[in-house]
N, C-alpha and C. Protein backbone atom coordinates (compact mmCIF):
# COMPACT_ATOMS: atom_id res chain seq x y z
N MET A 1 -7.03 -1.07 -2.47
CA MET A 1 -6.09 -2.15 -2.63
C MET A 1 -6.43 -2.96 -3.87
N VAL A 2 -7.71 -3.19 -4.10
CA VAL A 2 -8.11 -3.97 -5.27
C VAL A 2 -7.80 -3.19 -6.55
N LEU A 3 -8.08 -1.89 -6.55
CA LEU A 3 -7.79 -1.09 -7.74
C LEU A 3 -6.29 -1.03 -8.03
N LEU A 4 -5.49 -0.87 -7.00
CA LEU A 4 -4.05 -0.84 -7.20
C LEU A 4 -3.55 -2.19 -7.68
N GLY A 5 -4.09 -3.28 -7.12
CA GLY A 5 -3.73 -4.62 -7.60
C GLY A 5 -4.12 -4.83 -9.05
N ALA A 6 -5.28 -4.29 -9.42
CA ALA A 6 -5.71 -4.42 -10.82
C ALA A 6 -4.80 -3.63 -11.75
N ILE A 7 -4.37 -2.45 -11.31
CA ILE A 7 -3.45 -1.65 -12.13
C ILE A 7 -2.15 -2.41 -12.34
N TYR A 8 -1.59 -2.93 -11.27
CA TYR A 8 -0.34 -3.69 -11.39
C TYR A 8 -0.54 -4.93 -12.26
N ALA A 9 -1.62 -5.67 -12.02
CA ALA A 9 -1.84 -6.92 -12.73
C ALA A 9 -2.03 -6.68 -14.23
N VAL A 10 -2.81 -5.68 -14.60
CA VAL A 10 -3.04 -5.41 -16.02
C VAL A 10 -1.74 -5.01 -16.71
N GLN A 11 -0.97 -4.15 -16.06
CA GLN A 11 0.28 -3.73 -16.67
C GLN A 11 1.25 -4.89 -16.84
N LEU A 12 1.37 -5.73 -15.82
CA LEU A 12 2.30 -6.86 -15.90
C LEU A 12 1.84 -7.89 -16.93
N GLN A 13 0.54 -8.06 -17.06
CA GLN A 13 0.02 -8.97 -18.10
C GLN A 13 0.28 -8.40 -19.49
N LEU A 14 0.12 -7.09 -19.66
CA LEU A 14 0.38 -6.47 -20.96
C LEU A 14 1.86 -6.55 -21.33
N ILE A 15 2.73 -6.52 -20.35
CA ILE A 15 4.16 -6.68 -20.62
C ILE A 15 4.44 -8.10 -21.10
N GLY A 16 3.65 -9.05 -20.63
CA GLY A 16 3.84 -10.43 -21.04
C GLY A 16 4.37 -11.33 -19.93
N LEU A 17 4.36 -10.84 -18.72
CA LEU A 17 4.82 -11.64 -17.58
C LEU A 17 3.77 -12.68 -17.25
N GLU A 18 4.16 -13.95 -17.25
CA GLU A 18 3.20 -15.03 -17.04
C GLU A 18 2.55 -14.98 -15.65
N LEU A 19 3.32 -14.57 -14.65
CA LEU A 19 2.78 -14.49 -13.29
C LEU A 19 2.28 -13.09 -12.94
N GLY A 20 2.02 -12.29 -13.97
CA GLY A 20 1.64 -10.90 -13.75
C GLY A 20 0.37 -10.72 -12.95
N LEU A 21 -0.62 -11.54 -13.21
CA LEU A 21 -1.89 -11.43 -12.49
C LEU A 21 -1.70 -11.72 -11.01
N ILE A 22 -0.99 -12.77 -10.70
CA ILE A 22 -0.78 -13.15 -9.30
C ILE A 22 0.07 -12.11 -8.58
N ILE A 23 1.16 -11.69 -9.22
CA ILE A 23 2.05 -10.71 -8.59
C ILE A 23 1.31 -9.39 -8.39
N GLY A 24 0.54 -8.96 -9.36
CA GLY A 24 -0.20 -7.71 -9.24
C GLY A 24 -1.21 -7.73 -8.13
N MET A 25 -1.96 -8.80 -8.01
CA MET A 25 -2.98 -8.87 -6.97
C MET A 25 -2.36 -8.98 -5.57
N VAL A 26 -1.27 -9.75 -5.45
CA VAL A 26 -0.58 -9.83 -4.15
C VAL A 26 -0.01 -8.47 -3.77
N ALA A 27 0.55 -7.76 -4.74
CA ALA A 27 1.07 -6.41 -4.47
C ALA A 27 -0.05 -5.47 -4.05
N GLY A 28 -1.20 -5.59 -4.67
CA GLY A 28 -2.33 -4.75 -4.30
C GLY A 28 -2.84 -5.04 -2.90
N ILE A 29 -2.94 -6.31 -2.56
CA ILE A 29 -3.41 -6.69 -1.23
C ILE A 29 -2.40 -6.28 -0.17
N ALA A 30 -1.13 -6.44 -0.46
CA ALA A 30 -0.09 -6.08 0.51
C ALA A 30 0.08 -4.58 0.64
N SER A 31 -0.54 -3.79 -0.23
CA SER A 31 -0.40 -2.35 -0.14
C SER A 31 -1.19 -1.76 1.03
N PHE A 32 -1.80 -2.61 1.84
CA PHE A 32 -2.44 -2.15 3.08
C PHE A 32 -1.42 -1.44 3.94
N VAL A 33 -0.21 -1.97 3.96
CA VAL A 33 0.90 -1.32 4.65
C VAL A 33 1.66 -0.50 3.61
N PRO A 34 1.84 0.78 3.83
CA PRO A 34 2.50 1.62 2.82
C PRO A 34 3.86 1.06 2.39
N TYR A 35 4.08 1.02 1.11
CA TYR A 35 5.32 0.59 0.45
C TYR A 35 5.59 -0.90 0.55
N LEU A 36 4.84 -1.65 1.33
CA LEU A 36 5.06 -3.09 1.42
C LEU A 36 4.59 -3.77 0.14
N GLY A 37 3.42 -3.39 -0.35
CA GLY A 37 2.92 -3.97 -1.59
C GLY A 37 3.81 -3.64 -2.77
N PHE A 38 4.28 -2.40 -2.82
CA PHE A 38 5.19 -2.00 -3.88
C PHE A 38 6.47 -2.83 -3.82
N GLY A 39 7.03 -2.97 -2.63
CA GLY A 39 8.28 -3.72 -2.48
C GLY A 39 8.14 -5.18 -2.84
N ILE A 40 7.09 -5.81 -2.33
CA ILE A 40 6.87 -7.23 -2.61
C ILE A 40 6.61 -7.45 -4.09
N GLY A 41 5.73 -6.64 -4.66
CA GLY A 41 5.40 -6.79 -6.07
C GLY A 41 6.57 -6.51 -6.99
N PHE A 42 7.34 -5.47 -6.68
CA PHE A 42 8.47 -5.11 -7.51
C PHE A 42 9.54 -6.19 -7.50
N ILE A 43 9.88 -6.68 -6.31
CA ILE A 43 10.90 -7.73 -6.21
C ILE A 43 10.43 -9.01 -6.89
N ALA A 44 9.18 -9.38 -6.64
CA ALA A 44 8.65 -10.61 -7.26
C ALA A 44 8.59 -10.47 -8.78
N ALA A 45 8.21 -9.31 -9.28
CA ALA A 45 8.13 -9.11 -10.73
C ALA A 45 9.51 -9.14 -11.37
N ILE A 46 10.49 -8.54 -10.72
CA ILE A 46 11.85 -8.56 -11.25
C ILE A 46 12.40 -9.99 -11.28
N ILE A 47 12.16 -10.74 -10.21
CA ILE A 47 12.63 -12.14 -10.18
C ILE A 47 11.93 -12.97 -11.25
N ALA A 48 10.61 -12.79 -11.38
CA ALA A 48 9.88 -13.53 -12.41
C ALA A 48 10.35 -13.13 -13.81
N CYS A 49 10.64 -11.86 -14.00
CA CYS A 49 11.14 -11.39 -15.29
C CYS A 49 12.51 -12.01 -15.60
N LEU A 50 13.36 -12.09 -14.62
CA LEU A 50 14.68 -12.69 -14.84
C LEU A 50 14.57 -14.17 -15.20
N PHE A 51 13.64 -14.87 -14.57
CA PHE A 51 13.46 -16.28 -14.90
C PHE A 51 12.78 -16.47 -16.26
N GLN A 52 11.83 -15.59 -16.60
CA GLN A 52 11.09 -15.77 -17.85
C GLN A 52 11.85 -15.22 -19.06
N PHE A 53 12.44 -14.04 -18.93
CA PHE A 53 13.06 -13.39 -20.08
C PHE A 53 14.59 -13.33 -20.01
N GLY A 54 15.16 -13.72 -18.89
CA GLY A 54 16.60 -13.57 -18.73
C GLY A 54 16.93 -12.12 -18.42
N LEU A 55 18.17 -11.74 -18.65
CA LEU A 55 18.61 -10.38 -18.37
C LEU A 55 18.33 -9.49 -19.57
N ASN A 56 17.06 -9.25 -19.82
CA ASN A 56 16.61 -8.42 -20.94
C ASN A 56 16.24 -7.05 -20.39
N TRP A 57 17.03 -6.03 -20.74
CA TRP A 57 16.84 -4.70 -20.18
C TRP A 57 15.53 -4.06 -20.62
N THR A 58 15.02 -4.44 -21.74
CA THR A 58 13.74 -3.88 -22.20
C THR A 58 12.61 -4.29 -21.25
N TYR A 59 12.54 -5.59 -20.95
CA TYR A 59 11.48 -6.06 -20.05
C TYR A 59 11.69 -5.55 -18.63
N LEU A 60 12.93 -5.49 -18.19
CA LEU A 60 13.20 -4.96 -16.84
C LEU A 60 12.77 -3.50 -16.74
N SER A 61 13.07 -2.71 -17.76
CA SER A 61 12.66 -1.31 -17.72
C SER A 61 11.14 -1.16 -17.84
N LEU A 62 10.48 -2.04 -18.58
CA LEU A 62 9.02 -2.00 -18.64
C LEU A 62 8.40 -2.30 -17.28
N ILE A 63 8.99 -3.24 -16.55
CA ILE A 63 8.46 -3.57 -15.21
C ILE A 63 8.70 -2.43 -14.25
N VAL A 64 9.87 -1.81 -14.31
CA VAL A 64 10.14 -0.64 -13.46
C VAL A 64 9.13 0.46 -13.79
N GLY A 65 8.90 0.69 -15.08
CA GLY A 65 7.92 1.70 -15.49
C GLY A 65 6.51 1.37 -15.03
N ALA A 66 6.15 0.09 -15.07
CA ALA A 66 4.81 -0.30 -14.61
C ALA A 66 4.62 0.00 -13.13
N PHE A 67 5.64 -0.26 -12.33
CA PHE A 67 5.50 0.02 -10.91
C PHE A 67 5.58 1.51 -10.61
N LEU A 68 6.30 2.26 -11.44
CA LEU A 68 6.30 3.72 -11.27
C LEU A 68 4.93 4.30 -11.62
N VAL A 69 4.32 3.78 -12.68
CA VAL A 69 2.96 4.22 -13.03
C VAL A 69 1.97 3.85 -11.92
N GLY A 70 2.12 2.66 -11.36
CA GLY A 70 1.25 2.24 -10.25
C GLY A 70 1.40 3.13 -9.04
N GLN A 71 2.64 3.50 -8.71
CA GLN A 71 2.86 4.39 -7.58
C GLN A 71 2.29 5.79 -7.84
N ALA A 72 2.46 6.27 -9.07
CA ALA A 72 1.91 7.58 -9.41
C ALA A 72 0.38 7.56 -9.36
N ALA A 73 -0.21 6.49 -9.86
CA ALA A 73 -1.68 6.37 -9.81
C ALA A 73 -2.18 6.30 -8.38
N GLU A 74 -1.44 5.59 -7.54
CA GLU A 74 -1.85 5.50 -6.14
C GLU A 74 -1.74 6.85 -5.45
N GLY A 75 -0.62 7.53 -5.64
CA GLY A 75 -0.39 8.78 -4.93
C GLY A 75 -1.20 9.95 -5.42
N TYR A 76 -1.45 10.01 -6.73
CA TYR A 76 -2.12 11.19 -7.28
C TYR A 76 -3.58 10.98 -7.62
N ILE A 77 -4.03 9.74 -7.74
CA ILE A 77 -5.42 9.50 -8.13
C ILE A 77 -6.18 8.73 -7.05
N LEU A 78 -5.68 7.54 -6.70
CA LEU A 78 -6.44 6.66 -5.82
C LEU A 78 -6.55 7.20 -4.40
N GLN A 79 -5.44 7.57 -3.79
CA GLN A 79 -5.50 8.03 -2.41
C GLN A 79 -6.30 9.32 -2.24
N PRO A 80 -6.05 10.36 -3.04
CA PRO A 80 -6.88 11.56 -2.85
C PRO A 80 -8.35 11.33 -3.17
N LEU A 81 -8.63 10.51 -4.18
CA LEU A 81 -10.01 10.30 -4.59
C LEU A 81 -10.76 9.40 -3.62
N LEU A 82 -10.14 8.30 -3.21
CA LEU A 82 -10.84 7.33 -2.38
C LEU A 82 -10.66 7.56 -0.89
N LEU A 83 -9.47 7.95 -0.47
CA LEU A 83 -9.22 8.10 0.95
C LEU A 83 -9.46 9.53 1.41
N GLY A 84 -8.75 10.47 0.79
CA GLY A 84 -8.91 11.86 1.19
C GLY A 84 -8.67 12.04 2.66
N ASP A 85 -9.63 12.60 3.35
CA ASP A 85 -9.52 12.80 4.79
C ASP A 85 -10.28 11.72 5.56
N LYS A 86 -10.50 10.59 4.93
CA LYS A 86 -11.29 9.53 5.54
C LYS A 86 -10.59 8.87 6.72
N ILE A 87 -9.26 9.01 6.81
CA ILE A 87 -8.54 8.37 7.90
C ILE A 87 -8.91 9.01 9.23
N GLY A 88 -9.33 10.27 9.20
CA GLY A 88 -9.85 10.91 10.40
C GLY A 88 -8.79 11.34 11.39
N LEU A 89 -7.55 11.46 10.97
CA LEU A 89 -6.49 11.90 11.86
C LEU A 89 -5.99 13.27 11.43
N SER A 90 -5.75 14.11 12.40
CA SER A 90 -5.18 15.41 12.08
C SER A 90 -3.70 15.25 11.73
N PRO A 91 -3.13 16.21 11.05
CA PRO A 91 -1.70 16.10 10.71
C PRO A 91 -0.80 15.93 11.92
N LEU A 92 -1.17 16.54 13.04
CA LEU A 92 -0.38 16.38 14.26
C LEU A 92 -0.39 14.93 14.74
N TRP A 93 -1.56 14.28 14.68
CA TRP A 93 -1.65 12.88 15.08
C TRP A 93 -0.91 11.96 14.11
N VAL A 94 -0.92 12.33 12.84
CA VAL A 94 -0.17 11.54 11.86
C VAL A 94 1.32 11.57 12.18
N ILE A 95 1.84 12.77 12.45
CA ILE A 95 3.26 12.90 12.80
C ILE A 95 3.55 12.14 14.09
N PHE A 96 2.69 12.28 15.09
CA PHE A 96 2.89 11.58 16.35
C PHE A 96 2.86 10.07 16.15
N ALA A 97 1.93 9.57 15.36
CA ALA A 97 1.83 8.13 15.14
C ALA A 97 3.07 7.58 14.45
N VAL A 98 3.56 8.30 13.45
CA VAL A 98 4.75 7.83 12.73
C VAL A 98 5.97 7.85 13.65
N LEU A 99 6.11 8.91 14.45
CA LEU A 99 7.25 8.98 15.37
C LEU A 99 7.15 7.91 16.47
N ALA A 100 5.94 7.70 16.99
CA ALA A 100 5.77 6.67 18.00
C ALA A 100 6.03 5.28 17.43
N GLY A 101 5.55 5.02 16.23
CA GLY A 101 5.81 3.74 15.59
C GLY A 101 7.29 3.52 15.34
N ALA A 102 7.99 4.59 14.95
CA ALA A 102 9.43 4.48 14.70
C ALA A 102 10.19 4.21 15.99
N SER A 103 9.79 4.86 17.07
CA SER A 103 10.51 4.64 18.32
C SER A 103 10.21 3.28 18.93
N LEU A 104 9.03 2.75 18.69
CA LEU A 104 8.69 1.44 19.25
C LEU A 104 9.21 0.28 18.42
N LEU A 105 9.02 0.33 17.09
CA LEU A 105 9.36 -0.81 16.24
C LEU A 105 10.30 -0.47 15.09
N GLY A 106 10.88 0.72 15.10
CA GLY A 106 11.83 1.08 14.05
C GLY A 106 11.13 1.32 12.71
N PHE A 107 11.78 0.86 11.64
CA PHE A 107 11.25 1.09 10.30
C PHE A 107 9.91 0.41 10.10
N VAL A 108 9.75 -0.80 10.60
CA VAL A 108 8.47 -1.51 10.47
C VAL A 108 7.38 -0.75 11.21
N GLY A 109 7.72 -0.18 12.34
CA GLY A 109 6.76 0.62 13.09
C GLY A 109 6.29 1.83 12.33
N MET A 110 7.21 2.45 11.57
CA MET A 110 6.83 3.59 10.74
C MET A 110 5.85 3.17 9.65
N LEU A 111 6.06 1.97 9.10
CA LEU A 111 5.19 1.51 8.02
C LEU A 111 3.78 1.19 8.50
N ILE A 112 3.67 0.61 9.69
CA ILE A 112 2.35 0.20 10.16
C ILE A 112 1.70 1.22 11.10
N ALA A 113 2.37 2.35 11.33
CA ALA A 113 1.85 3.33 12.30
C ALA A 113 0.51 3.91 11.88
N LEU A 114 0.36 4.32 10.64
CA LEU A 114 -0.90 4.95 10.21
C LEU A 114 -2.07 3.97 10.16
N PRO A 115 -1.90 2.77 9.61
CA PRO A 115 -3.05 1.84 9.66
C PRO A 115 -3.46 1.49 11.09
N VAL A 116 -2.49 1.30 11.96
CA VAL A 116 -2.80 0.96 13.36
C VAL A 116 -3.48 2.14 14.05
N SER A 117 -2.97 3.35 13.84
CA SER A 117 -3.59 4.51 14.48
C SER A 117 -4.98 4.78 13.93
N ALA A 118 -5.22 4.51 12.66
CA ALA A 118 -6.56 4.68 12.10
C ALA A 118 -7.53 3.68 12.72
N VAL A 119 -7.09 2.44 12.91
CA VAL A 119 -7.94 1.43 13.55
C VAL A 119 -8.23 1.83 14.99
N LEU A 120 -7.20 2.27 15.71
CA LEU A 120 -7.41 2.72 17.09
C LEU A 120 -8.35 3.92 17.15
N ASN A 121 -8.25 4.82 16.20
CA ASN A 121 -9.13 5.98 16.15
C ASN A 121 -10.58 5.55 16.01
N VAL A 122 -10.84 4.59 15.12
CA VAL A 122 -12.21 4.10 14.94
C VAL A 122 -12.71 3.40 16.20
N LEU A 123 -11.87 2.57 16.81
CA LEU A 123 -12.27 1.88 18.04
C LEU A 123 -12.59 2.87 19.15
N PHE A 124 -11.76 3.89 19.34
CA PHE A 124 -12.02 4.86 20.40
C PHE A 124 -13.26 5.70 20.11
N ARG A 125 -13.54 5.98 18.86
CA ARG A 125 -14.77 6.71 18.54
C ARG A 125 -16.00 5.88 18.87
N HIS A 126 -15.94 4.58 18.55
CA HIS A 126 -17.08 3.71 18.90
C HIS A 126 -17.22 3.57 20.41
N LEU A 127 -16.12 3.45 21.12
CA LEU A 127 -16.18 3.38 22.58
C LEU A 127 -16.74 4.67 23.17
N TYR A 128 -16.38 5.81 22.62
CA TYR A 128 -16.89 7.08 23.10
C TYR A 128 -18.39 7.20 22.86
N ILE A 129 -18.84 6.78 21.71
CA ILE A 129 -20.28 6.81 21.42
C ILE A 129 -21.03 5.88 22.36
N TYR A 130 -20.46 4.70 22.60
CA TYR A 130 -21.09 3.77 23.54
C TYR A 130 -21.13 4.35 24.94
N TYR A 131 -20.04 4.97 25.37
CA TYR A 131 -19.97 5.60 26.68
C TYR A 131 -21.02 6.69 26.82
N ARG A 132 -21.22 7.49 25.77
CA ARG A 132 -22.20 8.56 25.82
C ARG A 132 -23.64 8.02 25.90
N SER A 133 -23.86 6.80 25.43
CA SER A 133 -25.20 6.23 25.47
C SER A 133 -25.51 5.54 26.79
N THR A 134 -24.52 5.34 27.64
CA THR A 134 -24.76 4.70 28.94
C THR A 134 -25.16 5.74 29.97
N ASP A 135 -25.48 5.28 31.19
CA ASP A 135 -25.91 6.18 32.27
C ASP A 135 -24.75 6.89 32.95
N PHE A 136 -23.53 6.48 32.69
CA PHE A 136 -22.38 7.14 33.33
C PHE A 136 -22.28 8.56 32.85
């Protein structure tokens, strides 16, 4: 999240957006939930660009490009390099978690399904280890 926020912040600062650092870091922190950080950062950057530069297509296209570069860096570099198989869920559980999240909470459930299932996976592993250490 910090690396993605830094990527967004540096790009937005290089474009010349005055609130680039703040928007980039908020987008990075909000990227805990898939696509939420991208959405928040993109909308905030476009609004800030409209207020700072007006309807200038050059700056708008630079901001769109910055967020596309950020998404590409996240998908092709950061996630495989840093996360990989660290989430500890099999593909079957990933599909089940997304479908269960969608049926329970709709689109928002789909977005938060993987982080919630990863947290539950860690909790159940710790409970299992604790159970194995008891006399039961």
